[in-house]
Amino acid sequence: LVESDHARVLVDCGLFQGLAELRRRNWRELPCDGADIEAV
């Protein structure tokens, strides 16, 4: 996640795979709302 004064951009947006501990991270909320991201 890249945040500047006027923009939020996400570079790559991948799934966690492999260990159960990693896969559970797919269910966590991101630290900002999807609506606040301008581009991926």
ModelCIF file with pLDDT and N, C-alpha, C, O atoms, coordinates in Angstrom:
data_MODEL
#
_entry.id   MODEL 
#
_entity.id                         1 
_entity.type                       polymer 
_entity.pdbx_number_of_molecules   1 
#
_entity_poly.entity_id                      1 
_entity_poly.type                           'polypeptide(L)' 
_entity_poly.nstd_linkage                   no 
_entity_poly.nstd_monomer                   no 
_entity_poly.pdbx_seq_one_letter_code       LVESDHARVLVDCGLFQGLAELRRRNWRELPCDGADIEAV 
_entity_poly.pdbx_seq_one_letter_code_can   LVESDHARVLVDCGLFQGLAELRRRNWRELPCDGADIEAV 
_entity_poly.pdbx_strand_id                 A 
#
loop_
_entity_poly_seq.entity_id 
_entity_poly_seq.num 
_entity_poly_seq.mon_id 
_entity_poly_seq.hetero 
1 1  LEU n 
1 2  VAL n 
1 3  GLU n 
1 4  SER n 
1 5  ASP n 
1 6  HIS n 
1 7  ALA n 
1 8  ARG n 
1 9  VAL n 
1 10 LEU n 
1 11 VAL n 
1 12 ASP n 
1 13 CYS n 
1 14 GLY n 
1 15 LEU n 
1 16 PHE n 
1 17 GLN n 
1 18 GLY n 
1 19 LEU n 
1 20 ALA n 
1 21 GLU n 
1 22 LEU n 
1 23 ARG n 
1 24 ARG n 
1 25 ARG n 
1 26 ASN n 
1 27 TRP n 
1 28 ARG n 
1 29 GLU n 
1 30 LEU n 
1 31 PRO n 
1 32 CYS n 
1 33 ASP n 
1 34 GLY n 
1 35 ALA n 
1 36 ASP n 
1 37 ILE n 
1 38 GLU n 
1 39 ALA n 
1 40 VAL n 
#
_struct_asym.id          A 
_struct_asym.entity_id   1 
#
loop_
_ma_qa_metric.id 
_ma_qa_metric.mode 
_ma_qa_metric.name 
_ma_qa_metric.software_group_id 
_ma_qa_metric.type 
1 global pLDDT . pLDDT 
2 local  pLDDT . pLDDT 
#
_ma_qa_metric_global.metric_id      1 
_ma_qa_metric_global.metric_value   93.25 
_ma_qa_metric_global.model_id       1 
_ma_qa_metric_global.ordinal_id     1 
#
loop_
_ma_qa_metric_local.label_asym_id 
_ma_qa_metric_local.label_comp_id 
_ma_qa_metric_local.label_seq_id 
_ma_qa_metric_local.metric_id 
_ma_qa_metric_local.metric_value 
_ma_qa_metric_local.model_id 
_ma_qa_metric_local.ordinal_id 
A LEU 1  2 98.00 1 1  
A VAL 2  2 98.00 1 2  
A GLU 3  2 97.00 1 3  
A SER 4  2 94.00 1 4  
A ASP 5  2 93.00 1 5  
A HIS 6  2 92.00 1 6  
A ALA 7  2 94.00 1 7  
A ARG 8  2 97.00 1 8  
A VAL 9  2 98.00 1 9  
A LEU 10 2 98.00 1 10 
A VAL 11 2 98.00 1 11 
A ASP 12 2 98.00 1 12 
A CYS 13 2 98.00 1 13 
A GLY 14 2 97.00 1 14 
A LEU 15 2 96.00 1 15 
A PHE 16 2 94.00 1 16 
A GLN 17 2 87.00 1 17 
A GLY 18 2 79.00 1 18 
A LEU 19 2 81.00 1 19 
A ALA 20 2 84.00 1 20 
A GLU 21 2 89.00 1 21 
A LEU 22 2 91.00 1 22 
A ARG 23 2 89.00 1 23 
A ARG 24 2 90.00 1 24 
A ARG 25 2 94.00 1 25 
A ASN 26 2 95.00 1 26 
A TRP 27 2 93.00 1 27 
A ARG 28 2 92.00 1 28 
A GLU 29 2 89.00 1 29 
A LEU 30 2 91.00 1 30 
A PRO 31 2 89.00 1 31 
A CYS 32 2 90.00 1 32 
A ASP 33 2 92.00 1 33 
A GLY 34 2 94.00 1 34 
A ALA 35 2 95.00 1 35 
A ASP 36 2 96.00 1 36 
A ILE 37 2 97.00 1 37 
A GLU 38 2 97.00 1 38 
A ALA 39 2 98.00 1 39 
A VAL 40 2 98.00 1 40 
#
loop_
_atom_site.group_PDB 
_atom_site.id 
_atom_site.type_symbol 
_atom_site.label_atom_id 
_atom_site.label_alt_id 
_atom_site.label_comp_id 
_atom_site.label_asym_id 
_atom_site.label_entity_id 
_atom_site.label_seq_id 
_atom_site.pdbx_PDB_ins_code 
_atom_site.Cartn_x 
_atom_site.Cartn_y 
_atom_site.Cartn_z 
_atom_site.occupancy 
_atom_site.B_iso_or_equiv 
_atom_site.pdbx_formal_charge 
_atom_site.auth_seq_id 
_atom_site.auth_comp_id 
_atom_site.auth_asym_id 
_atom_site.auth_atom_id 
_atom_site.pdbx_PDB_model_num 
ATOM 1   N N  . LEU A 1 1  ? 0.841   -1.196  0.000  1.00 98.00 ? 1  LEU A N  1 
ATOM 2   C CA . LEU A 1 1  ? 0.000   0.000   0.000  1.00 98.00 ? 1  LEU A CA 1 
ATOM 3   C C  . LEU A 1 1  ? 0.874   1.242   0.000  1.00 98.00 ? 1  LEU A C  1 
ATOM 4   O O  . LEU A 1 1  ? 1.757   1.390   0.844  1.00 98.00 ? 1  LEU A O  1 
ATOM 5   N N  . VAL A 1 2  ? 0.621   2.139   -0.958 1.00 98.00 ? 2  VAL A N  1 
ATOM 6   C CA . VAL A 1 2  ? 1.388   3.382   -1.094 1.00 98.00 ? 2  VAL A CA 1 
ATOM 7   C C  . VAL A 1 2  ? 0.424   4.546   -0.874 1.00 98.00 ? 2  VAL A C  1 
ATOM 8   O O  . VAL A 1 2  ? -0.556  4.692   -1.603 1.00 98.00 ? 2  VAL A O  1 
ATOM 9   N N  . GLU A 1 3  ? 0.708   5.380   0.142  1.00 97.00 ? 3  GLU A N  1 
ATOM 10  C CA . GLU A 1 3  ? -0.157  6.501   0.484  1.00 97.00 ? 3  GLU A CA 1 
ATOM 11  C C  . GLU A 1 3  ? 0.618   7.807   0.376  1.00 97.00 ? 3  GLU A C  1 
ATOM 12  O O  . GLU A 1 3  ? 1.636   7.992   1.043  1.00 97.00 ? 3  GLU A O  1 
ATOM 13  N N  . SER A 1 4  ? 0.131   8.705   -0.464 1.00 94.00 ? 4  SER A N  1 
ATOM 14  C CA . SER A 1 4  ? 0.709   10.042  -0.567 1.00 94.00 ? 4  SER A CA 1 
ATOM 15  C C  . SER A 1 4  ? -0.311  11.044  -0.037 1.00 94.00 ? 4  SER A C  1 
ATOM 16  O O  . SER A 1 4  ? -1.345  10.653  0.504  1.00 94.00 ? 4  SER A O  1 
ATOM 17  N N  . ASP A 1 5  ? -0.022  12.330  -0.191 1.00 93.00 ? 5  ASP A N  1 
ATOM 18  C CA . ASP A 1 5  ? -0.928  13.335  0.360  1.00 93.00 ? 5  ASP A CA 1 
ATOM 19  C C  . ASP A 1 5  ? -2.341  13.219  -0.203 1.00 93.00 ? 5  ASP A C  1 
ATOM 20  O O  . ASP A 1 5  ? -3.312  13.479  0.508  1.00 93.00 ? 5  ASP A O  1 
ATOM 21  N N  . HIS A 1 6  ? -2.465  12.833  -1.468 1.00 92.00 ? 6  HIS A N  1 
ATOM 22  C CA . HIS A 1 6  ? -3.769  12.866  -2.116 1.00 92.00 ? 6  HIS A CA 1 
ATOM 23  C C  . HIS A 1 6  ? -4.178  11.545  -2.767 1.00 92.00 ? 6  HIS A C  1 
ATOM 24  O O  . HIS A 1 6  ? -5.164  11.506  -3.503 1.00 92.00 ? 6  HIS A O  1 
ATOM 25  N N  . ALA A 1 7  ? -3.444  10.472  -2.513 1.00 94.00 ? 7  ALA A N  1 
ATOM 26  C CA . ALA A 1 7  ? -3.772  9.220   -3.204 1.00 94.00 ? 7  ALA A CA 1 
ATOM 27  C C  . ALA A 1 7  ? -3.387  8.009   -2.369 1.00 94.00 ? 7  ALA A C  1 
ATOM 28  O O  . ALA A 1 7  ? -2.427  8.026   -1.599 1.00 94.00 ? 7  ALA A O  1 
ATOM 29  N N  . ARG A 1 8  ? -4.174  6.960   -2.553 1.00 97.00 ? 8  ARG A N  1 
ATOM 30  C CA . ARG A 1 8  ? -3.811  5.642   -2.042 1.00 97.00 ? 8  ARG A CA 1 
ATOM 31  C C  . ARG A 1 8  ? -3.797  4.683   -3.227 1.00 97.00 ? 8  ARG A C  1 
ATOM 32  O O  . ARG A 1 8  ? -4.776  4.579   -3.966 1.00 97.00 ? 8  ARG A O  1 
ATOM 33  N N  . VAL A 1 9  ? -2.681  3.987   -3.397 1.00 98.00 ? 9  VAL A N  1 
ATOM 34  C CA . VAL A 1 9  ? -2.513  3.029   -4.484 1.00 98.00 ? 9  VAL A CA 1 
ATOM 35  C C  . VAL A 1 9  ? -2.008  1.723   -3.892 1.00 98.00 ? 9  VAL A C  1 
ATOM 36  O O  . VAL A 1 9  ? -1.150  1.721   -3.009 1.00 98.00 ? 9  VAL A O  1 
ATOM 37  N N  . LEU A 1 10 ? -2.547  0.612   -4.385 1.00 98.00 ? 10 LEU A N  1 
ATOM 38  C CA . LEU A 1 10 ? -2.087  -0.704  -3.966 1.00 98.00 ? 10 LEU A CA 1 
ATOM 39  C C  . LEU A 1 10 ? -1.327  -1.340  -5.120 1.00 98.00 ? 10 LEU A C  1 
ATOM 40  O O  . LEU A 1 10 ? -1.827  -1.389  -6.243 1.00 98.00 ? 10 LEU A O  1 
ATOM 41  N N  . VAL A 1 11 ? -0.121  -1.826  -4.847 1.00 98.00 ? 11 VAL A N  1 
ATOM 42  C CA . VAL A 1 11 ? 0.644   -2.553  -5.853 1.00 98.00 ? 11 VAL A CA 1 
ATOM 43  C C  . VAL A 1 11 ? 0.531   -4.042  -5.535 1.00 98.00 ? 11 VAL A C  1 
ATOM 44  O O  . VAL A 1 11 ? 0.993   -4.507  -4.493 1.00 98.00 ? 11 VAL A O  1 
ATOM 45  N N  . ASP A 1 12 ? -0.086  -4.771  -6.443 1.00 98.00 ? 12 ASP A N  1 
ATOM 46  C CA . ASP A 1 12 ? -0.439  -6.181  -6.312 1.00 98.00 ? 12 ASP A CA 1 
ATOM 47  C C  . ASP A 1 12 ? -1.474  -6.383  -5.210 1.00 98.00 ? 12 ASP A C  1 
ATOM 48  O O  . ASP A 1 12 ? -1.557  -5.612  -4.255 1.00 98.00 ? 12 ASP A O  1 
ATOM 49  N N  . CYS A 1 13 ? -2.245  -7.428  -5.371 1.00 98.00 ? 13 CYS A N  1 
ATOM 50  C CA . CYS A 1 13 ? -3.385  -7.669  -4.476 1.00 98.00 ? 13 CYS A CA 1 
ATOM 51  C C  . CYS A 1 13 ? -3.619  -9.178  -4.447 1.00 98.00 ? 13 CYS A C  1 
ATOM 52  O O  . CYS A 1 13 ? -4.625  -9.678  -4.949 1.00 98.00 ? 13 CYS A O  1 
ATOM 53  N N  . GLY A 1 14 ? -2.654  -9.896  -3.839 1.00 97.00 ? 14 GLY A N  1 
ATOM 54  C CA . GLY A 1 14 ? -2.637  -11.341 -3.946 1.00 97.00 ? 14 GLY A CA 1 
ATOM 55  C C  . GLY A 1 14 ? -3.226  -12.083 -2.764 1.00 97.00 ? 14 GLY A C  1 
ATOM 56  O O  . GLY A 1 14 ? -3.368  -11.533 -1.672 1.00 97.00 ? 14 GLY A O  1 
ATOM 57  N N  . LEU A 1 15 ? -3.565  -13.331 -2.998 1.00 96.00 ? 15 LEU A N  1 
ATOM 58  C CA . LEU A 1 15 ? -4.037  -14.234 -1.951 1.00 96.00 ? 15 LEU A CA 1 
ATOM 59  C C  . LEU A 1 15 ? -2.860  -14.859 -1.220 1.00 96.00 ? 15 LEU A C  1 
ATOM 60  O O  . LEU A 1 15 ? -1.814  -15.124 -1.813 1.00 96.00 ? 15 LEU A O  1 
ATOM 61  N N  . PHE A 1 16 ? -3.043  -15.093 0.074  1.00 94.00 ? 16 PHE A N  1 
ATOM 62  C CA . PHE A 1 16 ? -2.114  -15.923 0.830  1.00 94.00 ? 16 PHE A CA 1 
ATOM 63  C C  . PHE A 1 16 ? -2.459  -17.383 0.561  1.00 94.00 ? 16 PHE A C  1 
ATOM 64  O O  . PHE A 1 16 ? -3.631  -17.747 0.464  1.00 94.00 ? 16 PHE A O  1 
ATOM 65  N N  . GLN A 1 17 ? -1.419  -18.218 0.441  1.00 87.00 ? 17 GLN A N  1 
ATOM 66  C CA . GLN A 1 17 ? -1.601  -19.638 0.178  1.00 87.00 ? 17 GLN A CA 1 
ATOM 67  C C  . GLN A 1 17 ? -0.650  -20.442 1.068  1.00 87.00 ? 17 GLN A C  1 
ATOM 68  O O  . GLN A 1 17 ? 0.263   -19.889 1.681  1.00 87.00 ? 17 GLN A O  1 
ATOM 69  N N  . GLY A 1 18 ? -0.879  -21.752 1.127  1.00 79.00 ? 18 GLY A N  1 
ATOM 70  C CA . GLY A 1 18 ? 0.041   -22.614 1.867  1.00 79.00 ? 18 GLY A CA 1 
ATOM 71  C C  . GLY A 1 18 ? -0.434  -22.892 3.269  1.00 79.00 ? 18 GLY A C  1 
ATOM 72  O O  . GLY A 1 18 ? -1.529  -23.425 3.453  1.00 79.00 ? 18 GLY A O  1 
ATOM 73  N N  . LEU A 1 19 ? 0.364   -22.543 4.269  1.00 81.00 ? 19 LEU A N  1 
ATOM 74  C CA . LEU A 1 19 ? 0.068   -22.844 5.655  1.00 81.00 ? 19 LEU A CA 1 
ATOM 75  C C  . LEU A 1 19 ? -1.261  -22.243 6.086  1.00 81.00 ? 19 LEU A C  1 
ATOM 76  O O  . LEU A 1 19 ? -1.639  -21.166 5.626  1.00 81.00 ? 19 LEU A O  1 
ATOM 77  N N  . ALA A 1 20 ? -1.978  -22.947 6.980  1.00 84.00 ? 20 ALA A N  1 
ATOM 78  C CA . ALA A 1 20 ? -3.285  -22.470 7.445  1.00 84.00 ? 20 ALA A CA 1 
ATOM 79  C C  . ALA A 1 20 ? -3.171  -21.086 8.065  1.00 84.00 ? 20 ALA A C  1 
ATOM 80  O O  . ALA A 1 20 ? -4.062  -20.252 7.904  1.00 84.00 ? 20 ALA A O  1 
ATOM 81  N N  . GLU A 1 21 ? -2.074  -20.843 8.773  1.00 89.00 ? 21 GLU A N  1 
ATOM 82  C CA . GLU A 1 21 ? -1.869  -19.530 9.388  1.00 89.00 ? 21 GLU A CA 1 
ATOM 83  C C  . GLU A 1 21 ? -1.849  -18.425 8.336  1.00 89.00 ? 21 GLU A C  1 
ATOM 84  O O  . GLU A 1 21 ? -2.376  -17.335 8.557  1.00 89.00 ? 21 GLU A O  1 
ATOM 85  N N  . LEU A 1 22 ? -1.235  -18.716 7.190  1.00 91.00 ? 22 LEU A N  1 
ATOM 86  C CA . LEU A 1 22 ? -1.207  -17.730 6.112  1.00 91.00 ? 22 LEU A CA 1 
ATOM 87  C C  . LEU A 1 22 ? -2.582  -17.585 5.470  1.00 91.00 ? 22 LEU A C  1 
ATOM 88  O O  . LEU A 1 22 ? -3.028  -16.467 5.212  1.00 91.00 ? 22 LEU A O  1 
ATOM 89  N N  . ARG A 1 23 ? -3.255  -18.696 5.210  1.00 89.00 ? 23 ARG A N  1 
ATOM 90  C CA . ARG A 1 23 ? -4.560  -18.633 4.550  1.00 89.00 ? 23 ARG A CA 1 
ATOM 91  C C  . ARG A 1 23 ? -5.574  -17.851 5.371  1.00 89.00 ? 23 ARG A C  1 
ATOM 92  O O  . ARG A 1 23 ? -6.455  -17.196 4.814  1.00 89.00 ? 23 ARG A O  1 
ATOM 93  N N  . ARG A 1 24 ? -5.453  -17.918 6.705  1.00 90.00 ? 24 ARG A N  1 
ATOM 94  C CA . ARG A 1 24 ? -6.390  -17.168 7.559  1.00 90.00 ? 24 ARG A CA 1 
ATOM 95  C C  . ARG A 1 24 ? -6.249  -15.670 7.361  1.00 90.00 ? 24 ARG A C  1 
ATOM 96  O O  . ARG A 1 24 ? -7.193  -14.920 7.607  1.00 90.00 ? 24 ARG A O  1 
ATOM 97  N N  . ARG A 1 25 ? -5.067  -15.222 6.914  1.00 94.00 ? 25 ARG A N  1 
ATOM 98  C CA . ARG A 1 25 ? -4.885  -13.782 6.702  1.00 94.00 ? 25 ARG A CA 1 
ATOM 99  C C  . ARG A 1 25 ? -5.791  -13.261 5.592  1.00 94.00 ? 25 ARG A C  1 
ATOM 100 O O  . ARG A 1 25 ? -6.096  -12.069 5.559  1.00 94.00 ? 25 ARG A O  1 
ATOM 101 N N  . ASN A 1 26 ? -6.226  -14.129 4.687  1.00 95.00 ? 26 ASN A N  1 
ATOM 102 C CA . ASN A 1 26 ? -7.120  -13.679 3.624  1.00 95.00 ? 26 ASN A CA 1 
ATOM 103 C C  . ASN A 1 26 ? -8.441  -13.152 4.166  1.00 95.00 ? 26 ASN A C  1 
ATOM 104 O O  . ASN A 1 26 ? -9.142  -12.406 3.482  1.00 95.00 ? 26 ASN A O  1 
ATOM 105 N N  . TRP A 1 27 ? -8.781  -13.537 5.389  1.00 93.00 ? 27 TRP A N  1 
ATOM 106 C CA . TRP A 1 27 ? -10.054 -13.109 5.976  1.00 93.00 ? 27 TRP A CA 1 
ATOM 107 C C  . TRP A 1 27 ? -9.925  -11.833 6.793  1.00 93.00 ? 27 TRP A C  1 
ATOM 108 O O  . TRP A 1 27 ? -10.929 -11.277 7.238  1.00 93.00 ? 27 TRP A O  1 
ATOM 109 N N  . ARG A 1 28 ? -8.713  -11.371 6.993  1.00 92.00 ? 28 ARG A N  1 
ATOM 110 C CA . ARG A 1 28 ? -8.522  -10.131 7.756  1.00 92.00 ? 28 ARG A CA 1 
ATOM 111 C C  . ARG A 1 28 ? -8.883  -8.913  6.909  1.00 92.00 ? 28 ARG A C  1 
ATOM 112 O O  . ARG A 1 28 ? -8.702  -8.914  5.691  1.00 92.00 ? 28 ARG A O  1 
ATOM 113 N N  . GLU A 1 29 ? -9.388  -7.895  7.558  1.00 89.00 ? 29 GLU A N  1 
ATOM 114 C CA . GLU A 1 29 ? -9.665  -6.654  6.860  1.00 89.00 ? 29 GLU A CA 1 
ATOM 115 C C  . GLU A 1 29 ? -8.361  -5.911  6.584  1.00 89.00 ? 29 GLU A C  1 
ATOM 116 O O  . GLU A 1 29 ? -7.418  -5.975  7.372  1.00 89.00 ? 29 GLU A O  1 
ATOM 117 N N  . LEU A 1 30 ? -8.323  -5.213  5.467  1.00 91.00 ? 30 LEU A N  1 
ATOM 118 C CA . LEU A 1 30 ? -7.176  -4.354  5.187  1.00 91.00 ? 30 LEU A CA 1 
ATOM 119 C C  . LEU A 1 30 ? -7.242  -3.118  6.086  1.00 91.00 ? 30 LEU A C  1 
ATOM 120 O O  . LEU A 1 30 ? -8.300  -2.801  6.629  1.00 91.00 ? 30 LEU A O  1 
ATOM 121 N N  . PRO A 1 31 ? -6.112  -2.420  6.245  1.00 89.00 ? 31 PRO A N  1 
ATOM 122 C CA . PRO A 1 31 ? -6.078  -1.278  7.160  1.00 89.00 ? 31 PRO A CA 1 
ATOM 123 C C  . PRO A 1 31 ? -6.765  -0.029  6.621  1.00 89.00 ? 31 PRO A C  1 
ATOM 124 O O  . PRO A 1 31 ? -6.755  1.005   7.288  1.00 89.00 ? 31 PRO A O  1 
ATOM 125 N N  . CYS A 1 32 ? -7.358  -0.096  5.442  1.00 90.00 ? 32 CYS A N  1 
ATOM 126 C CA . CYS A 1 32 ? -8.145  1.021   4.939  1.00 90.00 ? 32 CYS A CA 1 
ATOM 127 C C  . CYS A 1 32 ? -9.301  0.452   4.133  1.00 90.00 ? 32 CYS A C  1 
ATOM 128 O O  . CYS A 1 32 ? -9.248  -0.694  3.687  1.00 90.00 ? 32 CYS A O  1 
ATOM 129 N N  . ASP A 1 33 ? -10.323 1.233   3.949  1.00 92.00 ? 33 ASP A N  1 
ATOM 130 C CA . ASP A 1 33 ? -11.476 0.778   3.184  1.00 92.00 ? 33 ASP A CA 1 
ATOM 131 C C  . ASP A 1 33 ? -11.107 0.626   1.718  1.00 92.00 ? 33 ASP A C  1 
ATOM 132 O O  . ASP A 1 33 ? -10.312 1.398   1.180  1.00 92.00 ? 33 ASP A O  1 
ATOM 133 N N  . GLY A 1 34 ? -11.696 -0.381  1.077  1.00 94.00 ? 34 GLY A N  1 
ATOM 134 C CA . GLY A 1 34 ? -11.459 -0.546  -0.338 1.00 94.00 ? 34 GLY A CA 1 
ATOM 135 C C  . GLY A 1 34 ? -11.841 0.691   -1.130 1.00 94.00 ? 34 GLY A C  1 
ATOM 136 O O  . GLY A 1 34 ? -11.194 1.020   -2.125 1.00 94.00 ? 34 GLY A O  1 
ATOM 137 N N  . ALA A 1 35 ? -12.889 1.380   -0.693 1.00 95.00 ? 35 ALA A N  1 
ATOM 138 C CA . ALA A 1 35 ? -13.352 2.574   -1.399 1.00 95.00 ? 35 ALA A CA 1 
ATOM 139 C C  . ALA A 1 35 ? -12.331 3.707   -1.369 1.00 95.00 ? 35 ALA A C  1 
ATOM 140 O O  . ALA A 1 35 ? -12.396 4.618   -2.195 1.00 95.00 ? 35 ALA A O  1 
ATOM 141 N N  . ASP A 1 36 ? -11.390 3.661   -0.426 1.00 96.00 ? 36 ASP A N  1 
ATOM 142 C CA . ASP A 1 36 ? -10.394 4.734   -0.299 1.00 96.00 ? 36 ASP A CA 1 
ATOM 143 C C  . ASP A 1 36 ? -9.172  4.513   -1.186 1.00 96.00 ? 36 ASP A C  1 
ATOM 144 O O  . ASP A 1 36 ? -8.300  5.378   -1.261 1.00 96.00 ? 36 ASP A O  1 
ATOM 145 N N  . ILE A 1 37 ? -9.102  3.371   -1.853 1.00 97.00 ? 37 ILE A N  1 
ATOM 146 C CA . ILE A 1 37 ? -7.973  3.085   -2.750 1.00 97.00 ? 37 ILE A CA 1 
ATOM 147 C C  . ILE A 1 37 ? -8.349  3.524   -4.155 1.00 97.00 ? 37 ILE A C  1 
ATOM 148 O O  . ILE A 1 37 ? -9.365  3.089   -4.696 1.00 97.00 ? 37 ILE A O  1 
ATOM 149 N N  . GLU A 1 38 ? -7.520  4.396   -4.755 1.00 97.00 ? 38 GLU A N  1 
ATOM 150 C CA . GLU A 1 38 ? -7.838  4.925   -6.085 1.00 97.00 ? 38 GLU A CA 1 
ATOM 151 C C  . GLU A 1 38 ? -7.510  3.947   -7.202 1.00 97.00 ? 38 GLU A C  1 
ATOM 152 O O  . GLU A 1 38 ? -8.229  3.880   -8.199 1.00 97.00 ? 38 GLU A O  1 
ATOM 153 N N  . ALA A 1 39 ? -6.435  3.192   -7.044 1.00 98.00 ? 39 ALA A N  1 
ATOM 154 C CA . ALA A 1 39 ? -6.011  2.312   -8.126 1.00 98.00 ? 39 ALA A CA 1 
ATOM 155 C C  . ALA A 1 39 ? -5.222  1.145   -7.555 1.00 98.00 ? 39 ALA A C  1 
ATOM 156 O O  . ALA A 1 39 ? -4.613  1.247   -6.489 1.00 98.00 ? 39 ALA A O  1 
ATOM 157 N N  . VAL A 1 40 ? -5.243  0.022   -8.290 1.00 98.00 ? 40 VAL A N  1 
ATOM 158 C CA . VAL A 1 40 ? -4.390  -1.126  -7.995 1.00 98.00 ? 40 VAL A CA 1 
ATOM 159 C C  . VAL A 1 40 ? -3.548  -1.396  -9.233 1.00 98.00 ? 40 VAL A C  1 
ATOM 160 O O  . VAL A 1 40 ? -2.739  -2.324  -9.239 1.00 98.00 ? 40 VAL A O  1 
#
